[in-house]
Amino acid sequence: MNFEAIKSIYAFEMARTRRTLLQSVVSPVITTSLYFIVFGAAIGSRMQEVEGVPYGAFIAPGLIMLTLLNQCISNGSFGIYFPKFMGTIYEILSAPISMLEIVIGYVGAAATKGLIVGTIILITASFFVDISIKHPFMMVLFFVLTAVTFSLFGFMIGIWAKDFEQLNLFPMLIIPPLVFLGGSFYSIDMLPPFWQTVSHFNPVLYLVSGFRWSFYEIADVNPMISLVTVLGFLLVCLSITAW
C-alpha cells in the first residue's frame, strides 16, 4: 500500500476545501440555519411535537443528513471529475499508484469534508433547538458510514459523468426528492398507507430513520434494518466502483 500517494491525494483535496471555505462550509451553514428558521419557527409553531419530540428538534437529524449527503456527493464527484476535465488525471494514472489507493485518497477526503461540515451543522443546530444524543456510538457509526458511502457514490458519478450536465444530474434531480420524501421533515406514519409503502423503497428513509433513532430513540424503521441497509448500499457502491 502506497501511503505516501494516498496522503498526497488526500492533502491536495483538503487544500482545495481551504481555498473555497465560503462555498464548502459557510454556505451549508447559512442554508441549514434558514431551514431551522423557516421549518422550526414557522411550521414548528403550528406543529408542536412529533412522537413526543419538539418539531424543531425532530427535523434536526434530517437536516444534518441532508447536508451530509449533498456535501459528500458533491465533493466525491467534483474531486475526480475536475482532474478528468483539466486533463491532469493522466498524471495520476501514469504514476505508480493502484486504483485502490486513488479511491481511498479521493473518497477519504470527500468523506472527511462531509463529516466536518456535518459536525458544524450539528453544533449550529444546538443553537436553535435542544438536541439530546441518547446513543452517541450509533450516531457516529451512521454519520461515518453515510459519509463514506455517499462519497463513494459521488466518486462513481464523477467517473461516469462526461460533462457538467451529467455531473449535476444526480445531486440536483435525484437526491433532493429522495431526501425530502425520506422522512427528513416528518414521520412517514403521517402519510397514507400507500405512500408509506412507497417510502420504504427510498434508501434515504433508512439513513434518516436510523440517524434520528440515535438521537431520540424514535424511528420509522428498525435501526438494525437501517444499519444493514446502509452497509448493503456501501457494498453495492464498492462493487460498482471496482467494476
Protein backbone atom coordinates (compact mmCIF):
# COMPACT_ATOMS: atom_id res chain seq x y z
CA MET A 1 0.00 0.00 0.00
CA ASN A 2 1.49 3.34 -1.11
CA PHE A 3 0.53 5.52 1.86
CA GLU A 4 2.53 8.48 0.53
CA ALA A 5 0.37 8.53 -2.61
CA ILE A 6 -2.84 8.34 -0.57
CA LYS A 7 -1.57 11.14 1.68
CA SER A 8 -0.72 13.33 -1.34
CA ILE A 9 -4.15 12.95 -2.96
CA TYR A 10 -5.89 13.44 0.39
CA ALA A 11 -3.84 16.57 1.23
CA PHE A 12 -4.45 18.06 -2.23
CA GLU A 13 -8.21 17.62 -1.93
CA MET A 14 -8.30 19.02 1.60
CA ALA A 15 -6.27 22.04 0.44
CA ARG A 16 -8.89 22.69 -2.25
CA THR A 17 -11.51 22.94 0.51
CA ARG A 18 -9.46 25.51 2.40
CA ARG A 19 -9.38 27.65 -0.74
CA THR A 20 -13.18 27.55 -1.06
CA LEU A 21 -14.32 27.94 2.54
CA LEU A 22 -17.29 30.17 1.65
CA GLN A 23 -18.71 27.57 -0.73
CA SER A 24 -17.66 24.50 1.25
CA VAL A 25 -18.53 25.49 4.81
CA VAL A 26 -20.23 28.88 5.17
CA SER A 27 -22.89 28.27 2.51
CA PRO A 28 -24.22 24.97 4.01
CA VAL A 29 -24.33 26.50 7.49
CA ILE A 30 -26.36 29.51 6.31
CA THR A 31 -28.70 27.27 4.28
CA THR A 32 -29.32 24.94 7.23
CA SER A 33 -29.88 27.90 9.56
CA LEU A 34 -32.57 29.14 7.18
CA TYR A 35 -34.19 25.69 7.25
CA PHE A 36 -34.36 25.89 11.05
CA ILE A 37 -35.81 29.40 10.92
CA VAL A 38 -38.46 28.53 8.33
CA PHE A 39 -39.36 24.98 9.34
CA GLY A 40 -38.56 25.19 13.04
CA ALA A 41 -40.14 28.57 13.74
CA ALA A 42 -42.86 28.96 11.11
CA ILE A 43 -44.06 25.35 10.82
CA GLY A 44 -42.93 24.34 14.29
CA SER A 45 -45.23 26.90 15.85
CA ARG A 46 -48.17 25.04 14.29
CA MET A 47 -46.83 21.51 14.74
CA GLN A 48 -45.70 21.38 18.35
CA GLU A 49 -44.45 17.80 18.64
CA VAL A 50 -43.84 14.68 16.59
CA GLU A 51 -43.87 11.45 18.62
CA GLY A 52 -43.17 13.43 21.79
CA VAL A 53 -40.24 15.40 20.36
CA PRO A 54 -40.47 19.16 19.62
CA TYR A 55 -40.73 19.64 15.87
CA GLY A 56 -37.58 21.76 15.61
CA ALA A 57 -35.55 19.05 17.38
CA PHE A 58 -37.28 16.32 15.34
CA ILE A 59 -36.10 17.73 12.00
CA ALA A 60 -32.51 18.35 13.19
CA PRO A 61 -31.18 14.84 12.29
CA GLY A 62 -32.88 15.05 8.89
CA LEU A 63 -31.29 18.44 8.15
CA ILE A 64 -27.88 17.17 9.21
CA MET A 65 -28.29 14.13 6.97
CA LEU A 66 -29.49 16.33 4.09
CA THR A 67 -26.35 18.45 4.33
CA LEU A 68 -24.09 15.42 4.75
CA LEU A 69 -25.48 13.69 1.65
CA ASN A 70 -25.18 16.79 -0.52
CA GLN A 71 -21.66 17.59 0.64
CA CYS A 72 -20.33 14.04 0.27
CA ILE A 73 -21.82 13.51 -3.18
CA SER A 74 -20.66 16.92 -4.37
CA ASN A 75 -17.12 16.56 -3.00
CA GLY A 76 -16.78 12.97 -4.20
CA SER A 77 -17.94 13.73 -7.75
CA PHE A 78 -16.13 17.04 -8.29
CA GLY A 79 -12.91 15.70 -6.77
CA ILE A 80 -12.43 13.09 -9.52
CA TYR A 81 -14.26 14.91 -12.34
CA PHE A 82 -12.07 18.03 -12.41
CA PRO A 83 -8.81 16.08 -12.98
CA LYS A 84 -10.63 14.43 -15.92
CA PHE A 85 -11.88 17.81 -17.16
CA MET A 86 -8.47 19.52 -16.84
CA GLY A 87 -6.52 16.52 -18.15
CA THR A 88 -4.40 16.17 -15.01
CA ILE A 89 -5.89 12.73 -14.32
CA TYR A 90 -3.25 11.25 -16.65
CA GLU A 91 -0.52 12.32 -14.23
CA ILE A 92 -2.18 10.19 -11.55
CA LEU A 93 -2.86 7.27 -13.89
CA SER A 94 0.75 7.22 -15.08
CA ALA A 95 2.12 7.26 -11.50
CA PRO A 96 2.85 4.01 -9.63
CA ILE A 97 -0.46 4.21 -7.76
CA SER A 98 -3.08 1.47 -7.64
CA MET A 99 -6.78 2.09 -8.26
CA LEU A 100 -7.48 1.25 -4.61
CA GLU A 101 -5.08 3.95 -3.41
CA ILE A 102 -6.69 6.52 -5.73
CA VAL A 103 -10.15 5.66 -4.42
CA ILE A 104 -9.02 5.81 -0.78
CA GLY A 105 -7.40 9.21 -1.31
CA TYR A 106 -10.32 10.87 -3.09
CA VAL A 107 -13.16 9.20 -1.18
CA GLY A 108 -11.38 9.67 2.17
CA ALA A 109 -11.00 13.40 1.53
CA ALA A 110 -14.62 13.77 0.38
CA ALA A 111 -15.89 11.90 3.46
CA THR A 112 -13.71 13.99 5.77
CA LYS A 113 -15.02 17.23 4.31
CA GLY A 114 -18.58 15.97 4.64
CA LEU A 115 -18.03 14.98 8.27
CA ILE A 116 -16.51 18.36 9.09
CA VAL A 117 -19.46 20.24 7.60
CA GLY A 118 -21.93 17.80 9.20
CA THR A 119 -20.33 18.36 12.61
CA ILE A 120 -20.54 22.13 12.17
CA ILE A 121 -24.22 21.78 11.25
CA LEU A 122 -24.80 19.65 14.37
CA ILE A 123 -23.21 22.37 16.52
CA THR A 124 -25.22 25.04 14.68
CA ALA A 125 -28.45 23.10 15.28
CA SER A 126 -27.80 23.10 19.03
CA PHE A 127 -28.18 26.91 19.00
CA PHE A 128 -31.70 26.63 17.56
CA VAL A 129 -33.13 23.55 19.31
CA ASP A 130 -32.44 21.31 22.30
CA ILE A 131 -30.69 18.21 20.98
CA SER A 132 -30.07 15.07 23.01
CA ILE A 133 -27.98 12.18 21.71
CA LYS A 134 -29.07 9.01 23.50
CA HIS A 135 -26.84 6.64 21.52
CA PRO A 136 -23.63 8.51 20.60
CA PHE A 137 -21.85 5.40 19.27
CA MET A 138 -24.69 4.64 16.84
CA MET A 139 -24.86 8.30 15.87
CA VAL A 140 -21.17 8.35 14.97
CA LEU A 141 -21.49 4.99 13.18
CA PHE A 142 -24.37 6.20 10.98
CA PHE A 143 -22.56 9.50 10.48
CA VAL A 144 -19.32 7.90 9.25
CA LEU A 145 -20.95 5.12 7.21
CA THR A 146 -23.21 7.60 5.43
CA ALA A 147 -20.28 9.92 4.69
CA VAL A 148 -18.12 7.14 3.25
CA THR A 149 -20.97 5.54 1.30
CA PHE A 150 -22.18 8.70 -0.40
CA SER A 151 -18.65 9.99 -1.02
CA LEU A 152 -18.09 6.71 -2.86
CA PHE A 153 -21.40 7.21 -4.66
CA GLY A 154 -20.28 10.71 -5.68
CA PHE A 155 -16.93 9.30 -6.85
CA MET A 156 -18.87 6.89 -9.10
CA ILE A 157 -20.83 9.81 -10.56
CA GLY A 158 -17.59 11.71 -11.21
CA ILE A 159 -16.12 8.73 -13.08
CA TRP A 160 -19.30 8.23 -15.11
CA ALA A 161 -20.00 11.89 -15.96
CA LYS A 162 -18.77 13.16 -19.31
CA ASP A 163 -19.92 16.77 -18.85
CA PHE A 164 -21.24 19.12 -16.18
CA GLU A 165 -24.84 18.29 -17.02
CA GLN A 166 -24.31 14.62 -16.19
CA LEU A 167 -22.26 15.60 -13.14
CA ASN A 168 -25.18 17.59 -11.70
CA LEU A 169 -27.89 15.13 -12.73
CA PHE A 170 -27.94 13.07 -9.51
CA PRO A 171 -27.23 15.86 -6.97
CA MET A 172 -29.83 18.23 -8.48
CA LEU A 173 -32.59 15.94 -9.76
CA ILE A 174 -32.39 12.63 -7.89
CA ILE A 175 -31.07 13.26 -4.38
CA PRO A 176 -33.30 16.20 -3.26
CA PRO A 177 -36.61 14.34 -3.92
CA LEU A 178 -35.26 11.26 -2.14
CA VAL A 179 -34.25 13.35 0.87
CA PHE A 180 -37.47 15.36 1.09
CA LEU A 181 -39.57 12.21 0.65
CA GLY A 182 -37.40 10.21 3.06
CA GLY A 183 -38.88 11.44 6.33
CA SER A 184 -36.43 14.29 6.90
CA PHE A 185 -39.18 16.72 7.95
CA TYR A 186 -41.90 14.34 9.09
CA SER A 187 -42.66 10.83 10.25
CA ILE A 188 -43.90 8.55 7.48
CA ASP A 189 -46.65 7.46 9.87
CA MET A 190 -48.31 10.73 8.88
CA LEU A 191 -48.64 9.53 5.28
CA PRO A 192 -51.49 7.48 3.80
CA PRO A 193 -50.83 3.71 3.76
CA PHE A 194 -49.96 3.65 0.04
CA TRP A 195 -47.28 6.33 0.37
CA GLN A 196 -45.91 4.69 3.49
CA THR A 197 -45.30 1.57 1.40
CA VAL A 198 -43.68 3.61 -1.38
CA SER A 199 -41.43 5.37 1.15
CA HIS A 200 -39.93 2.04 2.23
CA PHE A 201 -38.33 1.77 -1.22
CA ASN A 202 -36.50 5.05 -0.61
CA PRO A 203 -32.96 4.32 0.72
CA VAL A 204 -32.70 7.76 2.33
CA LEU A 205 -35.56 6.83 4.70
CA TYR A 206 -33.30 4.24 6.37
CA LEU A 207 -30.44 6.73 6.77
CA VAL A 208 -32.62 9.43 8.34
CA SER A 209 -34.59 6.97 10.47
CA GLY A 210 -31.50 5.28 11.91
CA PHE A 211 -29.76 8.59 12.50
CA ARG A 212 -32.82 10.06 14.24
CA TRP A 213 -33.12 6.96 16.43
CA SER A 214 -29.61 7.55 17.76
CA PHE A 215 -30.82 10.97 18.97
CA TYR A 216 -34.30 10.36 20.37
CA GLU A 217 -34.94 6.58 20.18
CA ILE A 218 -37.77 7.14 17.70
CA ALA A 219 -37.62 5.66 14.21
CA ASP A 220 -39.82 4.85 11.23
CA VAL A 221 -37.73 1.71 10.60
CA ASN A 222 -35.95 -0.66 12.97
CA PRO A 223 -32.45 0.85 13.46
CA MET A 224 -30.77 -2.51 12.82
CA ILE A 225 -32.53 -2.76 9.47
CA SER A 226 -31.39 0.80 8.72
CA LEU A 227 -27.80 -0.11 9.57
CA VAL A 228 -27.87 -3.23 7.37
CA THR A 229 -29.34 -1.16 4.52
CA VAL A 230 -26.53 1.41 4.75
CA LEU A 231 -23.92 -1.37 4.78
CA GLY A 232 -25.62 -3.03 1.82
CA PHE A 233 -25.58 0.20 -0.19
CA LEU A 234 -21.90 0.66 0.70
CA LEU A 235 -21.11 -2.82 -0.65
CA VAL A 236 -23.04 -2.07 -3.85
CA CYS A 237 -21.05 1.15 -4.35
CA LEU A 238 -17.78 -0.67 -3.70
CA SER A 239 -18.69 -3.38 -6.20
CA ILE A 240 -19.65 -0.92 -8.94
CA THR A 241 -16.53 1.19 -8.34
CA ALA A 242 -14.33 -1.93 -8.52
CA TRP A 243 -16.01 -2.93 -11.79
